[in-house]
Amino acid sequence: MGQLSWMVLSEYQFPLSLTQLCLSNTELKEDPMPTLEKLPHLQLLKLKQNSYLGRKMACVGSGGFPELKVLHLKSMYWLDEWTMGSGAMSKLES
C-alpha cells in the first residue's frame, strides 16, 4: 500500500486567467490564501467541506484578490482565526 500524498496548493500552477475556483475535500494542510490571492482575475472562490484543515487563514498581501466578488466558506470547522490585510478583497460583494 502506497503512502498518502497531501495536496500542496503552492506547487500547482493555476492559469492567470482563472475566474472561478471551488475546492472541496482537498484536505489542505497549508493556508491556501497566499497562493490564491495572487490570481489576478479570480472572481468567485468557494472553500467547502474539508478543503482546508488548518486553524489559521490569512490574506495579508496588499491588494490580494483584486477581482474577487464572491467568497463562499462552508463547513470550515477547524478555522479559528482569519487575518485580513488592508486592501485585500477590495471588490468583495458577498
N, C-alpha and C. Protein backbone atom coordinates (compact mmCIF):
# COMPACT_ATOMS: atom_id res chain seq x y z
N MET A 1 0.84 -1.17 0.00
CA MET A 1 0.00 0.00 0.00
C MET A 1 0.89 1.24 0.00
N GLY A 2 0.62 2.19 -0.89
CA GLY A 2 1.42 3.40 -1.01
C GLY A 2 1.10 4.42 0.08
N GLN A 3 2.00 5.38 0.22
CA GLN A 3 1.79 6.45 1.18
C GLN A 3 0.77 7.44 0.65
N LEU A 4 0.04 8.05 1.58
CA LEU A 4 -0.87 9.12 1.20
C LEU A 4 -0.05 10.34 0.84
N SER A 5 -0.38 10.99 -0.23
CA SER A 5 0.30 12.25 -0.55
C SER A 5 -0.72 13.37 -0.42
N TRP A 6 -0.33 14.41 0.28
CA TRP A 6 -1.22 15.53 0.53
C TRP A 6 -1.07 16.56 -0.56
N MET A 7 -2.16 17.16 -0.93
CA MET A 7 -2.14 18.21 -1.94
C MET A 7 -1.49 19.45 -1.35
N VAL A 8 -0.51 20.00 -2.06
CA VAL A 8 0.13 21.25 -1.64
C VAL A 8 -0.19 22.26 -2.71
N LEU A 9 -1.07 23.18 -2.38
CA LEU A 9 -1.60 24.14 -3.35
C LEU A 9 -0.51 25.00 -3.98
N SER A 10 0.50 25.37 -3.20
CA SER A 10 1.55 26.24 -3.71
C SER A 10 2.38 25.58 -4.81
N GLU A 11 2.28 24.27 -4.96
CA GLU A 11 3.01 23.56 -6.01
C GLU A 11 2.27 23.56 -7.34
N TYR A 12 1.01 23.99 -7.33
CA TYR A 12 0.21 23.98 -8.55
C TYR A 12 0.35 25.29 -9.30
N GLN A 13 0.33 25.22 -10.61
CA GLN A 13 0.38 26.41 -11.46
C GLN A 13 -1.03 26.65 -11.99
N PHE A 14 -1.72 27.59 -11.38
CA PHE A 14 -3.06 27.92 -11.84
C PHE A 14 -2.96 28.91 -13.00
N PRO A 15 -3.82 28.77 -14.00
CA PRO A 15 -3.80 29.76 -15.10
C PRO A 15 -4.17 31.14 -14.57
N LEU A 16 -3.46 32.15 -14.98
CA LEU A 16 -3.71 33.51 -14.51
C LEU A 16 -5.08 34.02 -14.93
N SER A 17 -5.67 33.40 -15.94
CA SER A 17 -6.99 33.81 -16.42
C SER A 17 -8.14 33.18 -15.62
N LEU A 18 -7.83 32.35 -14.63
CA LEU A 18 -8.84 31.66 -13.83
C LEU A 18 -9.78 32.66 -13.15
N THR A 19 -11.09 32.48 -13.33
CA THR A 19 -12.08 33.39 -12.75
C THR A 19 -12.89 32.74 -11.63
N GLN A 20 -12.97 31.41 -11.60
CA GLN A 20 -13.76 30.71 -10.58
C GLN A 20 -13.00 29.49 -10.10
N LEU A 21 -13.08 29.24 -8.79
CA LEU A 21 -12.41 28.08 -8.22
C LEU A 21 -13.22 27.57 -7.04
N CYS A 22 -13.45 26.26 -7.01
CA CYS A 22 -14.15 25.62 -5.90
C CYS A 22 -13.28 24.46 -5.41
N LEU A 23 -12.96 24.47 -4.12
CA LEU A 23 -12.18 23.39 -3.52
C LEU A 23 -13.05 22.67 -2.50
N SER A 24 -13.06 21.35 -2.56
CA SER A 24 -13.83 20.54 -1.64
C SER A 24 -13.10 19.23 -1.40
N ASN A 25 -13.00 18.82 -0.15
CA ASN A 25 -12.35 17.56 0.24
C ASN A 25 -10.89 17.47 -0.22
N THR A 26 -10.21 18.60 -0.32
CA THR A 26 -8.79 18.59 -0.69
C THR A 26 -7.89 18.40 0.52
N GLU A 27 -8.43 18.61 1.72
CA GLU A 27 -7.71 18.42 2.99
C GLU A 27 -6.36 19.12 2.99
N LEU A 28 -6.34 20.37 2.54
CA LEU A 28 -5.10 21.14 2.51
C LEU A 28 -4.57 21.33 3.93
N LYS A 29 -3.28 21.18 4.09
CA LYS A 29 -2.64 21.39 5.40
C LYS A 29 -2.10 22.81 5.49
N GLU A 30 -1.76 23.42 4.35
CA GLU A 30 -1.24 24.77 4.32
C GLU A 30 -2.34 25.76 3.93
N ASP A 31 -2.26 26.95 4.48
CA ASP A 31 -3.21 28.01 4.18
C ASP A 31 -3.23 28.26 2.67
N PRO A 32 -4.40 28.14 2.01
CA PRO A 32 -4.47 28.33 0.57
C PRO A 32 -4.44 29.80 0.13
N MET A 33 -4.70 30.73 1.06
CA MET A 33 -4.84 32.13 0.69
C MET A 33 -3.59 32.77 0.09
N PRO A 34 -2.38 32.54 0.60
CA PRO A 34 -1.21 33.16 -0.01
C PRO A 34 -1.02 32.80 -1.48
N THR A 35 -1.44 31.62 -1.87
CA THR A 35 -1.35 31.21 -3.27
C THR A 35 -2.50 31.78 -4.08
N LEU A 36 -3.71 31.66 -3.57
CA LEU A 36 -4.90 32.06 -4.32
C LEU A 36 -5.06 33.58 -4.45
N GLU A 37 -4.58 34.34 -3.47
CA GLU A 37 -4.76 35.79 -3.53
C GLU A 37 -3.97 36.44 -4.67
N LYS A 38 -3.06 35.69 -5.25
CA LYS A 38 -2.25 36.20 -6.36
C LYS A 38 -2.90 36.02 -7.73
N LEU A 39 -4.02 35.31 -7.78
CA LEU A 39 -4.71 35.10 -9.05
C LEU A 39 -5.43 36.39 -9.44
N PRO A 40 -4.97 37.07 -10.49
CA PRO A 40 -5.44 38.42 -10.78
C PRO A 40 -6.88 38.54 -11.26
N HIS A 41 -7.48 37.46 -11.78
CA HIS A 41 -8.83 37.54 -12.33
C HIS A 41 -9.86 36.71 -11.57
N LEU A 42 -9.45 36.12 -10.45
CA LEU A 42 -10.37 35.28 -9.67
C LEU A 42 -11.52 36.12 -9.12
N GLN A 43 -12.74 35.75 -9.49
CA GLN A 43 -13.93 36.49 -9.07
C GLN A 43 -14.79 35.71 -8.08
N LEU A 44 -14.69 34.38 -8.10
CA LEU A 44 -15.50 33.54 -7.23
C LEU A 44 -14.61 32.46 -6.62
N LEU A 45 -14.62 32.36 -5.30
CA LEU A 45 -13.84 31.34 -4.60
C LEU A 45 -14.75 30.66 -3.60
N LYS A 46 -14.83 29.33 -3.72
CA LYS A 46 -15.60 28.53 -2.77
C LYS A 46 -14.66 27.56 -2.08
N LEU A 47 -14.63 27.62 -0.77
CA LEU A 47 -13.89 26.66 0.04
C LEU A 47 -14.92 25.88 0.83
N LYS A 48 -15.11 24.63 0.45
CA LYS A 48 -16.16 23.81 1.05
C LYS A 48 -15.57 22.79 2.01
N GLN A 49 -16.40 21.85 2.46
CA GLN A 49 -16.05 20.89 3.49
C GLN A 49 -14.70 20.23 3.22
N ASN A 50 -13.89 20.22 4.28
CA ASN A 50 -12.57 19.58 4.27
C ASN A 50 -11.63 20.11 3.19
N SER A 51 -11.86 21.33 2.74
CA SER A 51 -10.94 21.89 1.75
C SER A 51 -9.64 22.31 2.43
N TYR A 52 -9.72 22.83 3.65
CA TYR A 52 -8.55 23.27 4.42
C TYR A 52 -8.72 22.84 5.86
N LEU A 53 -7.70 22.17 6.41
CA LEU A 53 -7.81 21.62 7.75
C LEU A 53 -7.07 22.43 8.80
N GLY A 54 -6.47 23.54 8.40
CA GLY A 54 -5.72 24.37 9.33
C GLY A 54 -6.61 25.20 10.24
N ARG A 55 -6.00 25.79 11.25
CA ARG A 55 -6.73 26.60 12.22
C ARG A 55 -6.66 28.09 11.90
N LYS A 56 -5.67 28.50 11.08
CA LYS A 56 -5.48 29.92 10.77
C LYS A 56 -5.45 30.12 9.26
N MET A 57 -6.03 31.24 8.83
CA MET A 57 -6.03 31.61 7.42
C MET A 57 -5.72 33.10 7.37
N ALA A 58 -4.92 33.51 6.36
CA ALA A 58 -4.54 34.92 6.29
C ALA A 58 -4.48 35.43 4.86
N CYS A 59 -5.05 36.60 4.66
CA CYS A 59 -4.95 37.34 3.41
C CYS A 59 -4.21 38.62 3.76
N VAL A 60 -2.90 38.57 3.74
CA VAL A 60 -2.13 39.71 4.21
C VAL A 60 -1.49 40.52 3.10
N GLY A 61 -1.51 39.99 1.88
CA GLY A 61 -0.94 40.73 0.76
C GLY A 61 -1.75 41.97 0.45
N SER A 62 -1.07 43.09 0.33
CA SER A 62 -1.76 44.32 -0.03
C SER A 62 -2.32 44.18 -1.44
N GLY A 63 -3.61 44.34 -1.59
CA GLY A 63 -4.22 44.20 -2.90
C GLY A 63 -4.47 42.77 -3.31
N GLY A 64 -4.41 41.82 -2.37
CA GLY A 64 -4.69 40.43 -2.68
C GLY A 64 -6.12 40.24 -3.13
N PHE A 65 -6.35 39.28 -4.00
CA PHE A 65 -7.67 39.01 -4.57
C PHE A 65 -8.26 40.28 -5.20
N PRO A 66 -7.58 40.87 -6.16
CA PRO A 66 -8.02 42.17 -6.70
C PRO A 66 -9.39 42.17 -7.36
N GLU A 67 -9.87 41.02 -7.87
CA GLU A 67 -11.16 40.98 -8.57
C GLU A 67 -12.20 40.12 -7.86
N LEU A 68 -11.87 39.57 -6.69
CA LEU A 68 -12.78 38.66 -6.00
C LEU A 68 -14.07 39.37 -5.60
N LYS A 69 -15.19 38.82 -6.04
CA LYS A 69 -16.50 39.38 -5.73
C LYS A 69 -17.29 38.48 -4.78
N VAL A 70 -17.08 37.17 -4.87
CA VAL A 70 -17.83 36.22 -4.05
C VAL A 70 -16.86 35.26 -3.35
N LEU A 71 -16.97 35.21 -2.03
CA LEU A 71 -16.21 34.26 -1.22
C LEU A 71 -17.22 33.43 -0.44
N HIS A 72 -17.17 32.13 -0.65
CA HIS A 72 -18.12 31.21 0.00
C HIS A 72 -17.31 30.24 0.85
N LEU A 73 -17.52 30.28 2.15
CA LEU A 73 -16.87 29.36 3.07
C LEU A 73 -17.94 28.45 3.66
N LYS A 74 -17.74 27.16 3.57
CA LYS A 74 -18.74 26.21 4.07
C LYS A 74 -18.04 25.10 4.85
N SER A 75 -18.56 24.85 6.03
CA SER A 75 -18.07 23.76 6.87
C SER A 75 -16.57 23.85 7.15
N MET A 76 -16.11 25.04 7.49
CA MET A 76 -14.70 25.25 7.85
C MET A 76 -14.57 25.09 9.37
N TYR A 77 -14.82 23.89 9.86
CA TYR A 77 -14.94 23.62 11.28
C TYR A 77 -13.66 23.88 12.08
N TRP A 78 -12.51 23.72 11.47
CA TRP A 78 -11.24 23.84 12.18
C TRP A 78 -10.74 25.28 12.22
N LEU A 79 -11.34 26.14 11.44
CA LEU A 79 -10.85 27.51 11.33
C LEU A 79 -11.17 28.32 12.60
N ASP A 80 -10.12 28.80 13.28
CA ASP A 80 -10.27 29.59 14.49
C ASP A 80 -9.95 31.06 14.25
N GLU A 81 -9.05 31.34 13.32
CA GLU A 81 -8.56 32.70 13.14
C GLU A 81 -8.41 33.03 11.66
N TRP A 82 -8.89 34.20 11.28
CA TRP A 82 -8.77 34.67 9.90
C TRP A 82 -8.27 36.10 9.93
N THR A 83 -7.10 36.32 9.35
CA THR A 83 -6.49 37.64 9.32
C THR A 83 -6.64 38.23 7.93
N MET A 84 -7.04 39.50 7.89
CA MET A 84 -7.28 40.17 6.62
C MET A 84 -6.48 41.46 6.59
N GLY A 85 -5.58 41.59 5.60
CA GLY A 85 -4.78 42.80 5.47
C GLY A 85 -5.59 43.90 4.81
N SER A 86 -5.17 45.15 5.03
CA SER A 86 -5.88 46.26 4.42
C SER A 86 -5.67 46.23 2.92
N GLY A 87 -6.73 46.48 2.19
CA GLY A 87 -6.66 46.47 0.72
C GLY A 87 -6.93 45.11 0.10
N ALA A 88 -7.01 44.06 0.90
CA ALA A 88 -7.31 42.73 0.35
C ALA A 88 -8.79 42.63 0.06
N MET A 89 -9.14 41.92 -0.99
CA MET A 89 -10.54 41.67 -1.38
C MET A 89 -11.33 42.97 -1.50
N SER A 90 -10.79 43.95 -2.14
CA SER A 90 -11.41 45.28 -2.20
C SER A 90 -12.74 45.30 -2.97
N LYS A 91 -12.99 44.30 -3.81
CA LYS A 91 -14.23 44.26 -4.59
C LYS A 91 -15.24 43.24 -4.09
N LEU A 92 -14.98 42.69 -2.91
CA LEU A 92 -15.86 41.65 -2.37
C LEU A 92 -17.28 42.16 -2.16
N GLU A 93 -18.25 41.42 -2.70
CA GLU A 93 -19.67 41.76 -2.58
C GLU A 93 -20.41 40.82 -1.64
N SER A 94 -20.03 39.56 -1.63
CA SER A 94 -20.69 38.61 -0.74
C SER A 94 -19.79 37.44 -0.43
